C-alpha cells in the first residue's frame, strides 16, 4: 500500500483533482482520484494487493485544476512483492 498526501490551497477554491498510477513503461494501471475537492488536506492510497501488479517502480501523476490554474506533480512508488 502506498499513501499519497496532498492539499488543495484556499486560493484555488474547489478544484478538479486527478491522481493516476503508471507502471515503468508508462502504462496507466490505476486511477485513484478523479473528482472535485474543496480546499483541505487529503490522503489517498493505492492498495496494490487489489490488483495483479508486479514488484518494481511505479509513478503517480497528480493534476489539480482550479481557479489558480493547472498544477501537476509526480512521484515514485516502489512496490515490493
C-alpha atoms as a PDB file:
ATOM      1  CA  UNK A   1       0.000   0.000   0.000  1.00  0.00           C
ATOM      2  CA  UNK A   2       1.210   3.493  -0.855  1.00  0.00           C
ATOM      3  CA  UNK A   3      -0.208   6.609   0.808  1.00  0.00           C
ATOM      4  CA  UNK A   4      -0.132   9.883  -1.114  1.00  0.00           C
ATOM      5  CA  UNK A   5      -0.800  13.056   0.898  1.00  0.00           C
ATOM      6  CA  UNK A   6      -1.804  16.277  -0.869  1.00  0.00           C
ATOM      7  CA  UNK A   7      -3.536  19.562  -0.179  1.00  0.00           C
ATOM      8  CA  UNK A   8      -5.731  21.980  -2.082  1.00  0.00           C
ATOM      9  CA  UNK A   9      -4.855  25.594  -1.165  1.00  0.00           C
ATOM     10  CA  UNK A  10      -7.559  28.090  -0.168  1.00  0.00           C
ATOM     11  CA  UNK A  11      -6.831  30.355  -3.156  1.00  0.00           C
ATOM     12  CA  UNK A  12      -7.690  27.512  -5.549  1.00  0.00           C
ATOM     13  CA  UNK A  13     -11.338  27.165  -4.479  1.00  0.00           C
ATOM     14  CA  UNK A  14     -12.961  23.876  -5.463  1.00  0.00           C
ATOM     15  CA  UNK A  15     -10.527  22.066  -7.754  1.00  0.00           C
ATOM     16  CA  UNK A  16     -10.665  19.114 -10.093  1.00  0.00           C
ATOM     17  CA  UNK A  17      -8.122  16.555  -8.836  1.00  0.00           C
ATOM     18  CA  UNK A  18      -6.904  13.540 -10.766  1.00  0.00           C
ATOM     19  CA  UNK A  19      -4.298  11.087  -9.466  1.00  0.00           C
ATOM     20  CA  UNK A  20      -3.183   8.211 -11.674  1.00  0.00           C
ATOM     21  CA  UNK A  21      -0.585   5.458 -11.221  1.00  0.00           C
ATOM     22  CA  UNK A  22       1.658   4.288 -14.088  1.00  0.00           C
ATOM     23  CA  UNK A  23       3.991   1.299 -14.485  1.00  0.00           C
ATOM     24  CA  UNK A  24       7.634   1.634 -15.581  1.00  0.00           C
ATOM     25  CA  UNK A  25       6.570   1.526 -19.249  1.00  0.00           C
ATOM     26  CA  UNK A  26       4.218   4.474 -18.786  1.00  0.00           C
ATOM     27  CA  UNK A  27       1.012   2.423 -18.949  1.00  0.00           C
ATOM     28  CA  UNK A  28      -1.743   3.668 -16.646  1.00  0.00           C
ATOM     29  CA  UNK A  29      -2.563   0.954 -14.105  1.00  0.00           C
ATOM     30  CA  UNK A  30      -4.911   2.787 -11.710  1.00  0.00           C
ATOM     31  CA  UNK A  31      -6.884   5.987 -11.211  1.00  0.00           C
ATOM     32  CA  UNK A  32      -7.000   6.826  -7.508  1.00  0.00           C
ATOM     33  CA  UNK A  33      -8.995  10.063  -7.631  1.00  0.00           C
ATOM     34  CA  UNK A  34     -10.866  11.915 -10.359  1.00  0.00           C
ATOM     35  CA  UNK A  35     -13.210  14.329  -8.619  1.00  0.00           C
ATOM     36  CA  UNK A  36     -13.847  17.898  -7.449  1.00  0.00           C
ATOM     37  CA  UNK A  37     -12.410  18.652  -3.995  1.00  0.00           C
ATOM     38  CA  UNK A  38     -12.681  21.671  -1.692  1.00  0.00           C
ATOM     39  CA  UNK A  39      -9.571  23.278  -0.156  1.00  0.00           C
ATOM     40  CA  UNK A  40      -8.234  20.991   2.595  1.00  0.00           C
ATOM     41  CA  UNK A  41      -5.569  18.377   3.343  1.00  0.00           C
ATOM     42  CA  UNK A  42      -6.204  14.902   1.915  1.00  0.00           C
ATOM     43  CA  UNK A  43      -4.598  11.499   1.617  1.00  0.00           C
ATOM     44  CA  UNK A  44      -5.310   8.761  -0.864  1.00  0.00           C
ATOM     45  CA  UNK A  45      -3.905   5.283  -1.044  1.00  0.00           C
ATOM     46  CA  UNK A  46      -3.042   2.771  -3.694  1.00  0.00           C
ATOM     47  CA  UNK A  47      -3.625  -0.750  -2.451  1.00  0.00           C
ATOM     48  CA  UNK A  48      -1.605  -2.740  -4.961  1.00  0.00           C
ATOM     49  CA  UNK A  49      -2.768  -6.061  -3.499  1.00  0.00           C
ATOM     50  CA  UNK A  50      -6.201  -5.317  -5.034  1.00  0.00           C
ATOM     51  CA  UNK A  51      -4.750  -5.963  -8.498  1.00  0.00           C
ATOM     52  CA  UNK A  52      -2.254  -8.136 -10.320  1.00  0.00           C
ATOM     53  CA  UNK A  53       0.757  -5.822 -10.012  1.00  0.00           C
ATOM     54  CA  UNK A  54       4.353  -6.997 -10.098  1.00  0.00           C
ATOM     55  CA  UNK A  55       7.011  -5.593  -7.817  1.00  0.00           C
ATOM     56  CA  UNK A  56       9.033  -2.674  -9.103  1.00  0.00           C
ATOM     57  CA  UNK A  57       8.936   1.046  -9.750  1.00  0.00           C
ATOM     58  CA  UNK A  58       5.677   2.872 -10.378  1.00  0.00           C
ATOM     59  CA  UNK A  59       4.983   6.574 -10.709  1.00  0.00           C
ATOM     60  CA  UNK A  60       1.961   8.650  -9.903  1.00  0.00           C
ATOM     61  CA  UNK A  61       0.828  11.878 -11.503  1.00  0.00           C
ATOM     62  CA  UNK A  62      -1.464  14.364  -9.799  1.00  0.00           C
ATOM     63  CA  UNK A  63      -3.142  17.152 -11.756  1.00  0.00           C
ATOM     64  CA  UNK A  64      -5.069  19.890  -9.924  1.00  0.00           C
ATOM     65  CA  UNK A  65      -7.174  22.297 -11.984  1.00  0.00           C
ATOM     66  CA  UNK A  66      -8.647  25.221 -10.056  1.00  0.00           C
ATOM     67  CA  UNK A  67      -9.081  28.987 -10.017  1.00  0.00           C
ATOM     68  CA  UNK A  68      -5.306  29.458  -9.643  1.00  0.00           C
ATOM     69  CA  UNK A  69      -4.634  27.460 -12.825  1.00  0.00           C
ATOM     70  CA  UNK A  70      -3.451  23.925 -13.512  1.00  0.00           C
ATOM     71  CA  UNK A  71      -0.687  22.316 -11.493  1.00  0.00           C
ATOM     72  CA  UNK A  72       0.902  18.902 -11.998  1.00  0.00           C
ATOM     73  CA  UNK A  73       3.065  16.886  -9.666  1.00  0.00           C
ATOM     74  CA  UNK A  74       4.530  13.413  -9.816  1.00  0.00           C
ATOM     75  CA  UNK A  75       6.234  10.965  -7.508  1.00  0.00           C
ATOM     76  CA  UNK A  76       7.614   7.451  -7.290  1.00  0.00           C
ATOM     77  CA  UNK A  77       6.241   4.333  -5.654  1.00  0.00           C
ATOM     78  CA  UNK A  78       8.413   1.275  -5.090  1.00  0.00           C
ATOM     79  CA  UNK A  79       6.310  -1.868  -4.799  1.00  0.00           C
ATOM     80  CA  UNK A  80       7.954  -4.778  -3.028  1.00  0.00           C
ATOM     81  CA  UNK A  81       6.407  -8.183  -3.637  1.00  0.00           C
END
